[in-house]
Amino acid sequence: MTTSSSALDPSVCPACENPNAPGARFCSQCGAPILAVQSPAELTSVLALDTEFDPMESHGGSGSWERGEVAELLVLSGPLASARFALEGAPVTVGRAEQSTIFLDDFTVSRRHAEITPAPGGTYLIRDLGSLNGTYVNRERVEESVLADCDQVQIGRFPLLFHAAKPKFAAVVRGQD
């Protein structure tokens, strides 16, 4: 029985057996992925959503927050619990890349995970940017979705709650009869 050199050396390409630099993730000759993982921190996993999760209950009930002047995302649990991200400026990017508008530093979040843009009528549109773990709105995986007040958004392991901005009312001036 013969053993290929790629089984012995994790830097050798399993497709074309080209020797690559140690730690390479892709073959420099054919571009095939080199599946050697150096540590568990490099693994990306797909997470199951918590189907028993109630965003309003976990945040103290419907009366524990007040809508602001701008729409926002509220982190419901995890290391950033209670953090609020204002959705100002267009578009708002969400991801693991440091230049993201909303920076979520976790391996379950793609570098460019999602984008949130204002939509007509004062609503917002969230769009997945081809992330590995997907973007979820109210436990449904979406490519694109209009967000409504109190929608639960899941990005990686971060459960977020969308709060629409306070409605702006125009003053009503009554004419004389």
Protein backbone atom coordinates (compact mmCIF):
# COMPACT_ATOMS: atom_id res chain seq x y z
CA MET A 1 0.00 0.00 0.00
CA THR A 2 1.37 3.39 -0.97
CA THR A 3 0.72 6.57 0.89
CA SER A 4 0.62 9.88 -0.96
CA SER A 5 2.97 12.57 0.26
CA SER A 6 0.00 14.86 1.00
CA ALA A 7 -1.21 12.45 3.73
CA LEU A 8 2.15 12.81 5.49
CA ASP A 9 2.77 16.50 4.94
CA PRO A 10 -0.14 18.91 5.47
CA SER A 11 1.49 21.52 3.19
CA VAL A 12 1.37 19.21 0.13
CA CYS A 13 -1.69 19.69 -2.09
CA PRO A 14 -4.04 16.68 -1.97
CA ALA A 15 -5.13 17.32 -5.59
CA CYS A 16 -1.86 17.86 -7.49
CA GLU A 17 0.73 17.00 -4.79
CA ASN A 18 2.46 20.34 -5.23
CA PRO A 19 4.59 21.26 -2.18
CA ASN A 20 3.33 24.53 -0.63
CA ALA A 21 4.56 26.81 2.11
CA PRO A 22 3.82 25.53 5.63
CA GLY A 23 0.46 26.83 6.82
CA ALA A 24 -0.83 27.46 3.29
CA ARG A 25 -4.60 27.14 2.96
CA PHE A 26 -4.71 26.90 -0.84
CA CYS A 27 -2.38 25.30 -3.36
CA SER A 28 -0.12 27.81 -5.10
CA GLN A 29 -0.26 25.75 -8.32
CA CYS A 30 -3.87 24.55 -8.74
CA GLY A 31 -5.76 26.60 -6.13
CA ALA A 32 -7.26 23.56 -4.38
CA PRO A 33 -7.93 23.98 -0.66
CA ILE A 34 -5.38 22.43 1.67
CA LEU A 35 -7.45 21.04 4.49
CA ALA A 36 -4.80 20.89 7.18
CA VAL A 37 -6.15 22.69 10.24
CA GLN A 38 -3.59 23.80 12.76
CA SER A 39 -5.94 24.41 15.71
CA PRO A 40 -9.63 24.16 16.61
CA ALA A 41 -9.86 27.98 16.49
CA GLU A 42 -9.42 27.80 12.71
CA LEU A 43 -12.51 25.65 12.23
CA THR A 44 -15.75 27.21 11.12
CA SER A 45 -18.87 25.48 12.29
CA VAL A 46 -22.52 25.85 11.44
CA LEU A 47 -24.54 26.67 14.52
CA ALA A 48 -28.08 25.56 15.23
CA LEU A 49 -30.46 28.33 16.18
CA ASP A 50 -32.03 28.21 19.61
CA THR A 51 -35.69 27.51 18.81
CA GLU A 52 -36.75 28.26 22.40
CA PHE A 53 -35.26 31.77 22.33
CA ASP A 54 -37.70 34.64 22.91
CA PRO A 55 -35.96 37.98 22.25
CA MET A 56 -38.43 40.06 24.24
CA GLU A 57 -38.35 37.71 27.23
CA SER A 58 -34.56 37.55 27.30
CA HIS A 59 -34.33 41.33 27.26
CA GLY A 60 -36.72 41.91 30.13
CA GLY A 61 -40.06 42.11 28.35
CA SER A 62 -41.56 44.58 25.93
CA GLY A 63 -41.44 47.54 28.31
CA SER A 64 -37.71 47.48 29.07
CA TRP A 65 -36.53 49.41 26.05
CA GLU A 66 -37.48 52.57 24.27
CA ARG A 67 -37.10 53.26 20.57
CA GLY A 68 -34.59 55.92 19.63
CA GLU A 69 -34.46 58.50 16.88
CA VAL A 70 -32.61 56.08 14.58
CA ALA A 71 -33.09 52.38 13.89
CA GLU A 72 -30.71 50.10 15.74
CA LEU A 73 -29.62 46.52 16.37
CA LEU A 74 -29.40 45.38 19.98
CA VAL A 75 -27.17 42.42 20.87
CA LEU A 76 -29.24 40.09 23.06
CA SER A 77 -26.61 37.72 24.48
CA GLY A 78 -22.94 36.81 24.38
CA PRO A 79 -19.84 38.93 24.94
CA LEU A 80 -21.47 42.02 23.41
CA ALA A 81 -24.83 41.63 25.23
CA SER A 82 -26.78 44.92 25.44
CA ALA A 83 -24.54 46.63 22.88
CA ARG A 84 -26.57 48.86 20.55
CA PHE A 85 -25.55 49.60 16.98
CA ALA A 86 -27.22 52.59 15.31
CA LEU A 87 -28.10 52.02 11.67
CA GLU A 88 -26.92 55.39 10.46
CA GLY A 89 -25.33 55.91 7.09
CA ALA A 90 -25.90 53.71 4.10
CA PRO A 91 -25.00 50.94 3.78
CA VAL A 92 -24.17 49.48 7.20
CA THR A 93 -21.86 46.48 6.86
CA VAL A 94 -21.78 43.64 9.40
CA GLY A 95 -18.84 41.27 9.62
CA ARG A 96 -15.58 40.10 11.10
CA ALA A 97 -13.50 42.51 9.03
CA GLU A 98 -12.23 45.38 11.17
CA GLN A 99 -13.50 47.93 8.64
CA SER A 100 -17.11 46.69 9.05
CA THR A 101 -19.54 49.26 10.40
CA ILE A 102 -20.69 46.62 12.91
CA PHE A 103 -17.63 44.57 13.85
CA LEU A 104 -18.49 41.13 15.29
CA ASP A 105 -15.21 39.44 16.19
CA ASP A 106 -16.08 35.75 16.13
CA PHE A 107 -15.15 32.88 13.80
CA THR A 108 -18.86 32.15 13.14
CA VAL A 109 -19.18 35.54 11.41
CA SER A 110 -17.83 35.96 7.87
CA ARG A 111 -15.51 38.88 7.13
CA ARG A 112 -18.23 40.44 4.95
CA HIS A 113 -21.33 38.79 6.38
CA ALA A 114 -24.31 41.09 5.74
CA GLU A 115 -25.29 44.56 4.66
CA ILE A 116 -28.18 46.67 5.95
CA THR A 117 -29.55 49.51 3.82
CA PRO A 118 -32.47 51.91 4.22
CA ALA A 119 -35.50 50.97 2.14
CA PRO A 120 -38.53 53.02 1.10
CA GLY A 121 -41.07 53.85 3.80
CA GLY A 122 -38.55 54.11 6.65
CA THR A 123 -37.81 50.38 6.66
CA TYR A 124 -34.46 48.61 6.35
CA LEU A 125 -33.32 45.78 4.10
CA ILE A 126 -30.79 43.18 5.28
CA ARG A 127 -28.86 41.24 2.64
CA ASP A 128 -26.55 38.28 3.17
CA LEU A 129 -23.21 38.75 1.37
CA GLY A 130 -22.55 35.06 0.69
CA SER A 131 -21.63 34.20 4.28
CA LEU A 132 -20.87 30.62 5.21
CA ASN A 133 -23.21 30.41 8.21
CA GLY A 134 -25.98 32.53 6.70
CA THR A 135 -28.10 35.40 7.92
CA TYR A 136 -31.34 34.65 9.72
CA VAL A 137 -34.41 36.79 10.34
CA ASN A 138 -36.91 35.33 12.81
CA ARG A 139 -35.18 31.93 12.56
CA GLU A 140 -35.50 31.76 8.76
CA ARG A 141 -32.36 31.82 6.62
CA VAL A 142 -32.60 34.73 4.19
CA GLU A 143 -30.65 36.09 1.27
CA GLU A 144 -32.52 39.38 1.58
CA SER A 145 -35.33 40.54 3.88
CA VAL A 146 -37.13 43.72 4.89
CA LEU A 147 -36.75 44.21 8.64
CA ALA A 148 -39.76 45.01 10.83
CA ASP A 149 -39.67 46.35 14.38
CA CYS A 150 -38.64 43.62 16.89
CA ASP A 151 -37.39 41.19 14.22
CA GLN A 152 -34.71 38.84 15.55
CA VAL A 153 -31.59 38.78 13.37
CA GLN A 154 -28.99 36.04 13.83
CA ILE A 155 -25.48 36.60 12.48
CA GLY A 156 -23.07 33.84 13.46
CA ARG A 157 -23.62 33.23 17.15
CA PHE A 158 -24.89 36.79 17.73
CA PRO A 159 -28.65 37.14 18.31
CA LEU A 160 -29.66 40.72 17.53
CA LEU A 161 -32.96 42.52 17.90
CA PHE A 162 -33.94 45.11 15.30
CA HIS A 163 -35.60 48.27 16.62
CA ALA A 164 -37.15 50.61 14.08
CA ALA A 165 -36.75 54.33 14.66
CA LYS A 166 -39.51 56.29 16.33
CA PRO A 167 -41.99 57.37 13.70
CA LYS A 168 -41.67 61.01 12.74
CA PHE A 169 -45.00 62.74 12.66
CA ALA A 170 -45.69 65.87 10.66
CA ALA A 171 -47.44 68.69 12.43
CA VAL A 172 -51.08 69.05 11.43
CA VAL A 173 -52.19 72.59 10.94
CA ARG A 174 -55.92 73.13 10.80
CA GLY A 175 -57.23 75.87 8.61
CA GLN A 176 -59.91 78.27 9.67
CA ASP A 177 -63.46 77.40 8.70
